[in-house]
Amino acid sequence: MSKNKHSAKTTLGLDQSRSLNDLQQVLEHTFDDVALLRRAVTHASGDLKGEGDYQRLEFVGDRVLGLLVAEMLYETYSSDPEGDLAVRLNALVCADFCAEIATKLKFSDYMVLSKGEGRSGTAVRKAVLADMCEAVIAALYLDGGYAAARRFVEAHWRGPLERMIRPPRDPKTTLQEWAQAQKLGLPRYEEEGREGPDHAPRFKIKVTISGVSPISATGTSKRLAEQAAAEALLAREEVKI
């Protein structure tokens, strides 16, 4: 397949080599196997030659990231019980946080995907960016070993990890505990609507508890909208998170 034909169907077709070189500078790691990095930034729609996309790497990266962050938390918060460490871990390895890192490092600029997916905004979708972030971590691990992956995670997770003075409290958990303490039953979450394009949706969620006026809130994902609704109800009822 000629370069011109390839570039007509995928983004970054002509500039992929330059882009991968640039990305290696961002990652501060020179790959022995550049094909690993290429797969880590290739969306399924951009895999025209059957060389592989980031999905299998994302599977590995998820586990590597979890182990690295768990080790950092164990070292940093030596007096935390297991439950608090787990809460911190979940906040630091969730898709939203991984997408934040990918956005900060402009990973979408290096993504290889079809022209159609490019026009639809796939490269800036949080779920896609989160998966790509984990795939890049896997590529670093497979190419440079544990040390290479740890250097990257240390560089971008250490600051937020150390600023997490207290384990984050999930508003949904707090609301559930409050409702049960008041003998009101469990909160119920209901999607009331969705608006915006596929790459930047906004969901509206209503939370209802028996004997308490319902309240609604919006977010860029159902999970975030549920958290916002729970937080709004807690604030109205003057319950501290």
C-alpha atoms as a PDB file:
ATOM      1  CA  MET A   1       0.000   0.000   0.000  1.00  0.00           C
ATOM      2  CA  SER A   2       1.455   3.385  -0.948  1.00  0.00           C
ATOM      3  CA  LYS A   3       1.809   6.158   1.585  1.00  0.00           C
ATOM      4  CA  ASN A   4      -0.638   8.340  -0.310  1.00  0.00           C
ATOM      5  CA  LYS A   5      -3.294   5.661  -0.313  1.00  0.00           C
ATOM      6  CA  HIS A   6      -2.706   4.966   3.369  1.00  0.00           C
ATOM      7  CA  SER A   7      -2.926   8.635   4.347  1.00  0.00           C
ATOM      8  CA  ALA A   8      -6.220   8.990   2.510  1.00  0.00           C
ATOM      9  CA  LYS A   9      -7.824   6.524   4.879  1.00  0.00           C
ATOM     10  CA  THR A  10      -6.120   7.181   8.194  1.00  0.00           C
ATOM     11  CA  THR A  11      -4.913  10.169  10.116  1.00  0.00           C
ATOM     12  CA  LEU A  12      -1.164  10.553  10.716  1.00  0.00           C
ATOM     13  CA  GLY A  13      -0.486   8.354   7.660  1.00  0.00           C
ATOM     14  CA  LEU A  14       2.342  10.460   6.243  1.00  0.00           C
ATOM     15  CA  ASP A  15       3.657  11.798   9.540  1.00  0.00           C
ATOM     16  CA  GLN A  16       3.462   8.651  11.651  1.00  0.00           C
ATOM     17  CA  SER A  17       7.233   8.102  11.821  1.00  0.00           C
ATOM     18  CA  ARG A  18       7.831  11.710  12.899  1.00  0.00           C
ATOM     19  CA  SER A  19       4.961  11.504  15.363  1.00  0.00           C
ATOM     20  CA  LEU A  20       6.314   8.354  16.972  1.00  0.00           C
ATOM     21  CA  ASN A  21       9.698  10.020  17.350  1.00  0.00           C
ATOM     22  CA  ASP A  22       8.028  13.006  18.985  1.00  0.00           C
ATOM     23  CA  LEU A  23       6.044  10.746  21.296  1.00  0.00           C
ATOM     24  CA  GLN A  24       9.195   8.941  22.409  1.00  0.00           C
ATOM     25  CA  GLN A  25      10.551  12.332  23.491  1.00  0.00           C
ATOM     26  CA  VAL A  26       7.350  13.014  25.438  1.00  0.00           C
ATOM     27  CA  LEU A  27       7.662   9.603  27.103  1.00  0.00           C
ATOM     28  CA  GLU A  28      11.403  10.088  27.669  1.00  0.00           C
ATOM     29  CA  HIS A  29      12.051   6.568  26.406  1.00  0.00           C
ATOM     30  CA  THR A  30      13.651   5.387  23.159  1.00  0.00           C
ATOM     31  CA  PHE A  31      11.983   2.174  22.039  1.00  0.00           C
ATOM     32  CA  ASP A  32      13.962  -0.813  20.834  1.00  0.00           C
ATOM     33  CA  ASP A  33      10.706  -2.118  19.354  1.00  0.00           C
ATOM     34  CA  VAL A  34       8.945   0.907  17.858  1.00  0.00           C
ATOM     35  CA  ALA A  35       6.171  -1.382  16.609  1.00  0.00           C
ATOM     36  CA  LEU A  36       5.035  -1.704  20.228  1.00  0.00           C
ATOM     37  CA  LEU A  37       4.551   2.034  20.486  1.00  0.00           C
ATOM     38  CA  ARG A  38       2.817   2.126  17.111  1.00  0.00           C
ATOM     39  CA  ARG A  39       0.294  -0.462  18.295  1.00  0.00           C
ATOM     40  CA  ALA A  40      -0.215   1.474  21.541  1.00  0.00           C
ATOM     41  CA  VAL A  41      -1.438   4.527  19.618  1.00  0.00           C
ATOM     42  CA  THR A  42      -3.396   2.683  16.909  1.00  0.00           C
ATOM     43  CA  HIS A  43      -7.189   2.665  17.180  1.00  0.00           C
ATOM     44  CA  ALA A  44      -8.939  -0.390  15.736  1.00  0.00           C
ATOM     45  CA  SER A  45     -10.161   1.732  12.808  1.00  0.00           C
ATOM     46  CA  GLY A  46      -6.587   2.664  11.918  1.00  0.00           C
ATOM     47  CA  ASP A  47      -5.207  -0.886  11.805  1.00  0.00           C
ATOM     48  CA  LEU A  48      -5.412  -1.226   8.043  1.00  0.00           C
ATOM     49  CA  LYS A  49      -2.514  -3.674   7.721  1.00  0.00           C
ATOM     50  CA  GLY A  50      -3.561  -6.014  10.522  1.00  0.00           C
ATOM     51  CA  GLU A  51      -0.518  -5.108  12.629  1.00  0.00           C
ATOM     52  CA  GLY A  52      -2.585  -4.750  15.787  1.00  0.00           C
ATOM     53  CA  ASP A  53      -4.209  -1.961  17.786  1.00  0.00           C
ATOM     54  CA  TYR A  54      -3.993  -0.861  21.419  1.00  0.00           C
ATOM     55  CA  GLN A  55      -6.666  -3.137  22.896  1.00  0.00           C
ATOM     56  CA  ARG A  56      -4.450  -6.062  23.952  1.00  0.00           C
ATOM     57  CA  LEU A  57      -1.804  -3.663  25.249  1.00  0.00           C
ATOM     58  CA  GLU A  58      -4.461  -1.799  27.253  1.00  0.00           C
ATOM     59  CA  PHE A  59      -5.233  -5.082  29.045  1.00  0.00           C
ATOM     60  CA  VAL A  60      -1.602  -5.373  30.164  1.00  0.00           C
ATOM     61  CA  GLY A  61      -1.214  -1.672  30.930  1.00  0.00           C
ATOM     62  CA  ASP A  62      -4.186  -1.682  33.270  1.00  0.00           C
ATOM     63  CA  ARG A  63      -2.480  -4.320  35.436  1.00  0.00           C
ATOM     64  CA  VAL A  64       0.943  -2.679  35.283  1.00  0.00           C
ATOM     65  CA  LEU A  65      -0.486   0.708  36.282  1.00  0.00           C
ATOM     66  CA  GLY A  66      -2.413  -0.839  39.164  1.00  0.00           C
ATOM     67  CA  LEU A  67       0.708  -2.547  40.499  1.00  0.00           C
ATOM     68  CA  LEU A  68       2.883   0.559  40.175  1.00  0.00           C
ATOM     69  CA  VAL A  69       0.375   2.859  41.878  1.00  0.00           C
ATOM     70  CA  ALA A  70      -0.284   0.279  44.588  1.00  0.00           C
ATOM     71  CA  GLU A  71       3.456   0.082  45.287  1.00  0.00           C
ATOM     72  CA  MET A  72       3.744   3.881  45.415  1.00  0.00           C
ATOM     73  CA  LEU A  73       0.790   4.129  47.791  1.00  0.00           C
ATOM     74  CA  TYR A  74       2.210   1.397  50.019  1.00  0.00           C
ATOM     75  CA  GLU A  75       5.502   3.290  50.253  1.00  0.00           C
ATOM     76  CA  THR A  76       3.966   6.764  50.689  1.00  0.00           C
ATOM     77  CA  TYR A  77       1.081   6.070  53.089  1.00  0.00           C
ATOM     78  CA  SER A  78       2.729   3.577  55.427  1.00  0.00           C
ATOM     79  CA  SER A  79       0.095   3.967  58.151  1.00  0.00           C
ATOM     80  CA  ASP A  80      -3.003   3.681  55.935  1.00  0.00           C
ATOM     81  CA  PRO A  81      -5.174   0.570  56.396  1.00  0.00           C
ATOM     82  CA  GLU A  82      -5.972  -1.535  53.358  1.00  0.00           C
ATOM     83  CA  GLY A  83      -9.382   0.080  52.861  1.00  0.00           C
ATOM     84  CA  ASP A  84      -7.951   3.599  52.602  1.00  0.00           C
ATOM     85  CA  LEU A  85      -5.224   2.423  50.226  1.00  0.00           C
ATOM     86  CA  ALA A  86      -7.889   0.849  48.022  1.00  0.00           C
ATOM     87  CA  VAL A  87      -9.882   4.094  47.895  1.00  0.00           C
ATOM     88  CA  ARG A  88      -6.774   6.030  46.895  1.00  0.00           C
ATOM     89  CA  LEU A  89      -5.870   3.420  44.284  1.00  0.00           C
ATOM     90  CA  ASN A  90      -9.293   3.476  42.664  1.00  0.00           C
ATOM     91  CA  ALA A  91      -9.149   7.258  42.335  1.00  0.00           C
ATOM     92  CA  LEU A  92      -5.703   7.172  40.709  1.00  0.00           C
ATOM     93  CA  VAL A  93      -6.197   4.368  38.195  1.00  0.00           C
ATOM     94  CA  CYS A  94      -9.767   5.115  37.087  1.00  0.00           C
ATOM     95  CA  ALA A  95     -10.507   5.901  33.437  1.00  0.00           C
ATOM     96  CA  ASP A  96     -11.162   9.576  34.138  1.00  0.00           C
ATOM     97  CA  PHE A  97      -7.730  10.058  35.714  1.00  0.00           C
ATOM     98  CA  CYS A  98      -5.943   8.138  32.938  1.00  0.00           C
ATOM     99  CA  ALA A  99      -7.776  10.291  30.386  1.00  0.00           C
ATOM    100  CA  GLU A 100      -6.558  13.407  32.215  1.00  0.00           C
ATOM    101  CA  ILE A 101      -2.951  12.246  31.881  1.00  0.00           C
ATOM    102  CA  ALA A 102      -3.458  11.413  28.208  1.00  0.00           C
ATOM    103  CA  THR A 103      -5.024  14.821  27.604  1.00  0.00           C
ATOM    104  CA  LYS A 104      -2.203  16.627  29.413  1.00  0.00           C
ATOM    105  CA  LEU A 105       0.380  14.821  27.263  1.00  0.00           C
ATOM    106  CA  LYS A 106      -1.700  15.372  24.075  1.00  0.00           C
ATOM    107  CA  PHE A 107      -1.819  11.673  23.220  1.00  0.00           C
ATOM    108  CA  SER A 108      -4.683  12.362  20.802  1.00  0.00           C
ATOM    109  CA  ASP A 109      -2.166  14.106  18.510  1.00  0.00           C
ATOM    110  CA  TYR A 110      -0.388  10.777  18.003  1.00  0.00           C
ATOM    111  CA  MET A 111      -3.421   8.531  17.609  1.00  0.00           C
ATOM    112  CA  VAL A 112      -3.711   6.538  14.369  1.00  0.00           C
ATOM    113  CA  LEU A 113      -7.333   6.118  13.351  1.00  0.00           C
ATOM    114  CA  SER A 114      -9.581   6.302  10.301  1.00  0.00           C
ATOM    115  CA  LYS A 115     -10.561   9.646   8.825  1.00  0.00           C
ATOM    116  CA  GLY A 116     -14.180   8.925   9.753  1.00  0.00           C
ATOM    117  CA  GLU A 117     -13.344   8.277  13.391  1.00  0.00           C
ATOM    118  CA  GLY A 118     -11.157  11.363  13.373  1.00  0.00           C
ATOM    119  CA  ARG A 119     -14.029  13.529  12.171  1.00  0.00           C
ATOM    120  CA  SER A 120     -16.375  12.045  14.784  1.00  0.00           C
ATOM    121  CA  GLY A 121     -14.106  13.104  17.646  1.00  0.00           C
ATOM    122  CA  THR A 122     -12.969   9.631  18.682  1.00  0.00           C
ATOM    123  CA  ALA A 123      -9.454  10.864  19.486  1.00  0.00           C
ATOM    124  CA  VAL A 124     -10.717  13.074  22.312  1.00  0.00           C
ATOM    125  CA  ARG A 125     -13.171  10.657  23.902  1.00  0.00           C
ATOM    126  CA  LYS A 126     -12.258   9.983  27.511  1.00  0.00           C
ATOM    127  CA  ALA A 127     -12.661   6.215  27.238  1.00  0.00           C
ATOM    128  CA  VAL A 128     -10.397   6.050  24.189  1.00  0.00           C
ATOM    129  CA  LEU A 129      -7.766   8.293  25.760  1.00  0.00           C
ATOM    130  CA  ALA A 130      -7.811   6.241  28.968  1.00  0.00           C
ATOM    131  CA  ASP A 131      -7.307   2.999  27.034  1.00  0.00           C
ATOM    132  CA  MET A 132      -4.496   4.557  25.004  1.00  0.00           C
ATOM    133  CA  CYS A 133      -2.792   5.776  28.178  1.00  0.00           C
ATOM    134  CA  GLU A 134      -2.804   2.251  29.604  1.00  0.00           C
ATOM    135  CA  ALA A 135      -1.594   0.840  26.269  1.00  0.00           C
ATOM    136  CA  VAL A 136       1.355   3.244  26.293  1.00  0.00           C
ATOM    137  CA  ILE A 137       2.239   2.111  29.834  1.00  0.00           C
ATOM    138  CA  ALA A 138       2.149  -1.498  28.603  1.00  0.00           C
ATOM    139  CA  ALA A 139       4.410  -0.624  25.666  1.00  0.00           C
ATOM    140  CA  LEU A 140       6.899   1.013  28.029  1.00  0.00           C
ATOM    141  CA  TYR A 141       6.803  -2.042  30.293  1.00  0.00           C
ATOM    142  CA  LEU A 142       7.216  -4.577  27.487  1.00  0.00           C
ATOM    143  CA  ASP A 143       9.997  -2.615  25.802  1.00  0.00           C
ATOM    144  CA  GLY A 144      11.944  -1.244  28.754  1.00  0.00           C
ATOM    145  CA  GLY A 145      10.823  -3.379  31.664  1.00  0.00           C
ATOM    146  CA  TYR A 146       9.414  -2.420  35.027  1.00  0.00           C
ATOM    147  CA  ALA A 147      11.854   0.489  35.426  1.00  0.00           C
ATOM    148  CA  ALA A 148      10.708   2.228  32.229  1.00  0.00           C
ATOM    149  CA  ALA A 149       7.042   1.931  33.166  1.00  0.00           C
ATOM    150  CA  ARG A 150       7.731   3.122  36.710  1.00  0.00           C
ATOM    151  CA  ARG A 151       9.616   6.213  35.482  1.00  0.00           C
ATOM    152  CA  PHE A 152       6.591   7.258  33.452  1.00  0.00           C
ATOM    153  CA  VAL A 153       4.084   6.601  36.227  1.00  0.00           C
ATOM    154  CA  GLU A 154       6.286   8.316  38.808  1.00  0.00           C
ATOM    155  CA  ALA A 155       6.517  11.390  36.578  1.00  0.00           C
ATOM    156  CA  HIS A 156       2.757  11.798  36.156  1.00  0.00           C
ATOM    157  CA  TRP A 157       1.123  10.090  39.153  1.00  0.00           C
ATOM    158  CA  ARG A 158       3.491  10.982  41.991  1.00  0.00           C
ATOM    159  CA  GLY A 159       2.315  14.596  42.380  1.00  0.00           C
ATOM    160  CA  PRO A 160      -1.432  13.851  42.518  1.00  0.00           C
ATOM    161  CA  LEU A 161      -0.736  10.864  44.771  1.00  0.00           C
ATOM    162  CA  GLU A 162       1.166  12.931  47.316  1.00  0.00           C
ATOM    163  CA  ARG A 163      -1.385  15.759  47.234  1.00  0.00           C
ATOM    164  CA  MET A 164      -4.088  13.269  48.237  1.00  0.00           C
ATOM    165  CA  ILE A 165      -3.734  14.111  51.938  1.00  0.00           C
ATOM    166  CA  ARG A 166      -6.837  12.150  52.884  1.00  0.00           C
ATOM    167  CA  PRO A 167      -8.375   9.201  51.047  1.00  0.00           C
ATOM    168  CA  PRO A 168     -10.998  10.640  48.690  1.00  0.00           C
ATOM    169  CA  ARG A 169     -14.571  10.070  49.757  1.00  0.00           C
ATOM    170  CA  ASP A 170     -16.941   8.964  47.046  1.00  0.00           C
ATOM    171  CA  PRO A 171     -20.155  11.062  47.345  1.00  0.00           C
ATOM    172  CA  LYS A 172     -22.219   8.006  46.360  1.00  0.00           C
ATOM    173  CA  THR A 173     -20.758   5.958  49.202  1.00  0.00           C
ATOM    174  CA  THR A 174     -21.276   8.785  51.683  1.00  0.00           C
ATOM    175  CA  LEU A 175     -24.875   9.247  50.543  1.00  0.00           C
ATOM    176  CA  GLN A 176     -25.582   5.528  50.852  1.00  0.00           C
ATOM    177  CA  GLU A 177     -24.128   5.435  54.367  1.00  0.00           C
ATOM    178  CA  TRP A 178     -26.149   8.511  55.387  1.00  0.00           C
ATOM    179  CA  ALA A 179     -29.387   7.122  53.919  1.00  0.00           C
ATOM    180  CA  GLN A 180     -28.909   3.811  55.693  1.00  0.00           C
ATOM    181  CA  ALA A 181     -28.125   5.573  58.976  1.00  0.00           C
ATOM    182  CA  GLN A 182     -31.380   7.510  58.586  1.00  0.00           C
ATOM    183  CA  LYS A 183     -33.211   4.243  57.758  1.00  0.00           C
ATOM    184  CA  LEU A 184     -34.299   5.646  54.393  1.00  0.00           C
ATOM    185  CA  GLY A 185     -33.198   2.761  52.187  1.00  0.00           C
ATOM    186  CA  LEU A 186     -30.722   2.839  49.327  1.00  0.00           C
ATOM    187  CA  PRO A 187     -30.398   5.766  46.881  1.00  0.00           C
ATOM    188  CA  ARG A 188     -31.732   5.134  43.373  1.00  0.00           C
ATOM    189  CA  TYR A 189     -30.154   6.709  40.287  1.00  0.00           C
ATOM    190  CA  GLU A 190     -32.109   7.330  37.104  1.00  0.00           C
ATOM    191  CA  GLU A 191     -30.898   8.730  33.799  1.00  0.00           C
ATOM    192  CA  GLU A 192     -33.121  11.642  32.787  1.00  0.00           C
ATOM    193  CA  GLY A 193     -31.425  12.594  29.554  1.00  0.00           C
ATOM    194  CA  ARG A 194     -28.318  12.921  27.446  1.00  0.00           C
ATOM    195  CA  GLU A 195     -27.196  15.719  25.162  1.00  0.00           C
ATOM    196  CA  GLY A 196     -24.156  16.761  23.160  1.00  0.00           C
ATOM    197  CA  PRO A 197     -22.103  14.926  20.502  1.00  0.00           C
ATOM    198  CA  ASP A 198     -20.799  11.387  21.004  1.00  0.00           C
ATOM    199  CA  HIS A 199     -17.286  12.588  21.768  1.00  0.00           C
ATOM    200  CA  ALA A 200     -18.477  15.087  24.399  1.00  0.00           C
ATOM    201  CA  PRO A 201     -21.777  13.874  25.895  1.00  0.00           C
ATOM    202  CA  ARG A 202     -23.460  15.235  29.002  1.00  0.00           C
ATOM    203  CA  PHE A 203     -25.694  12.991  31.074  1.00  0.00           C
ATOM    204  CA  LYS A 204     -28.425  14.117  33.452  1.00  0.00           C
ATOM    205  CA  ILE A 205     -28.996  11.837  36.442  1.00  0.00           C
ATOM    206  CA  LYS A 206     -31.636  12.052  39.183  1.00  0.00           C
ATOM    207  CA  VAL A 207     -31.035  10.541  42.605  1.00  0.00           C
ATOM    208  CA  THR A 208     -34.010   9.549  44.730  1.00  0.00           C
ATOM    209  CA  ILE A 209     -34.191   8.458  48.363  1.00  0.00           C
ATOM    210  CA  SER A 210     -37.404   7.536  50.108  1.00  0.00           C
ATOM    211  CA  GLY A 211     -38.724  10.460  52.115  1.00  0.00           C
ATOM    212  CA  VAL A 212     -36.271  12.968  50.592  1.00  0.00           C
ATOM    213  CA  SER A 213     -36.885  15.303  47.646  1.00  0.00           C
ATOM    214  CA  PRO A 214     -34.964  14.050  44.574  1.00  0.00           C
ATOM    215  CA  ILE A 215     -32.241  16.109  42.961  1.00  0.00           C
ATOM    216  CA  SER A 216     -30.588  16.023  39.530  1.00  0.00           C
ATOM    217  CA  ALA A 217     -27.130  16.854  38.228  1.00  0.00           C
ATOM    218  CA  THR A 218     -25.131  16.508  35.021  1.00  0.00           C
ATOM    219  CA  GLY A 219     -21.721  15.094  34.118  1.00  0.00           C
ATOM    220  CA  THR A 220     -19.633  14.000  31.153  1.00  0.00           C
ATOM    221  CA  SER A 221     -20.250  10.353  32.045  1.00  0.00           C
ATOM    222  CA  LYS A 222     -23.015   8.526  33.876  1.00  0.00           C
ATOM    223  CA  ARG A 223     -20.655   7.841  36.772  1.00  0.00           C
ATOM    224  CA  LEU A 224     -19.688  11.500  37.111  1.00  0.00           C
ATOM    225  CA  ALA A 225     -23.307  12.609  36.836  1.00  0.00           C
ATOM    226  CA  GLU A 226     -24.306  10.151  39.582  1.00  0.00           C
ATOM    227  CA  GLN A 227     -21.507  11.463  41.787  1.00  0.00           C
ATOM    228  CA  ALA A 228     -22.562  15.051  41.110  1.00  0.00           C
ATOM    229  CA  ALA A 229     -26.173  14.244  41.983  1.00  0.00           C
ATOM    230  CA  ALA A 230     -25.120  12.498  45.199  1.00  0.00           C
ATOM    231  CA  GLU A 231     -22.882  15.439  46.122  1.00  0.00           C
ATOM    232  CA  ALA A 232     -25.693  17.918  45.434  1.00  0.00           C
ATOM    233  CA  LEU A 233     -28.123  16.003  47.651  1.00  0.00           C
ATOM    234  CA  LEU A 234     -25.541  15.770  50.445  1.00  0.00           C
ATOM    235  CA  ALA A 235     -24.890  19.501  50.212  1.00  0.00           C
ATOM    236  CA  ARG A 236     -28.592  20.292  50.357  1.00  0.00           C
ATOM    237  CA  GLU A 237     -29.036  18.045  53.392  1.00  0.00           C
ATOM    238  CA  GLU A 238     -25.894  19.600  54.930  1.00  0.00           C
ATOM    239  CA  VAL A 239     -24.072  16.271  55.187  1.00  0.00           C
ATOM    240  CA  LYS A 240     -20.282  16.535  55.108  1.00  0.00           C
ATOM    241  CA  ILE A 241     -18.416  14.330  52.642  1.00  0.00           C
END
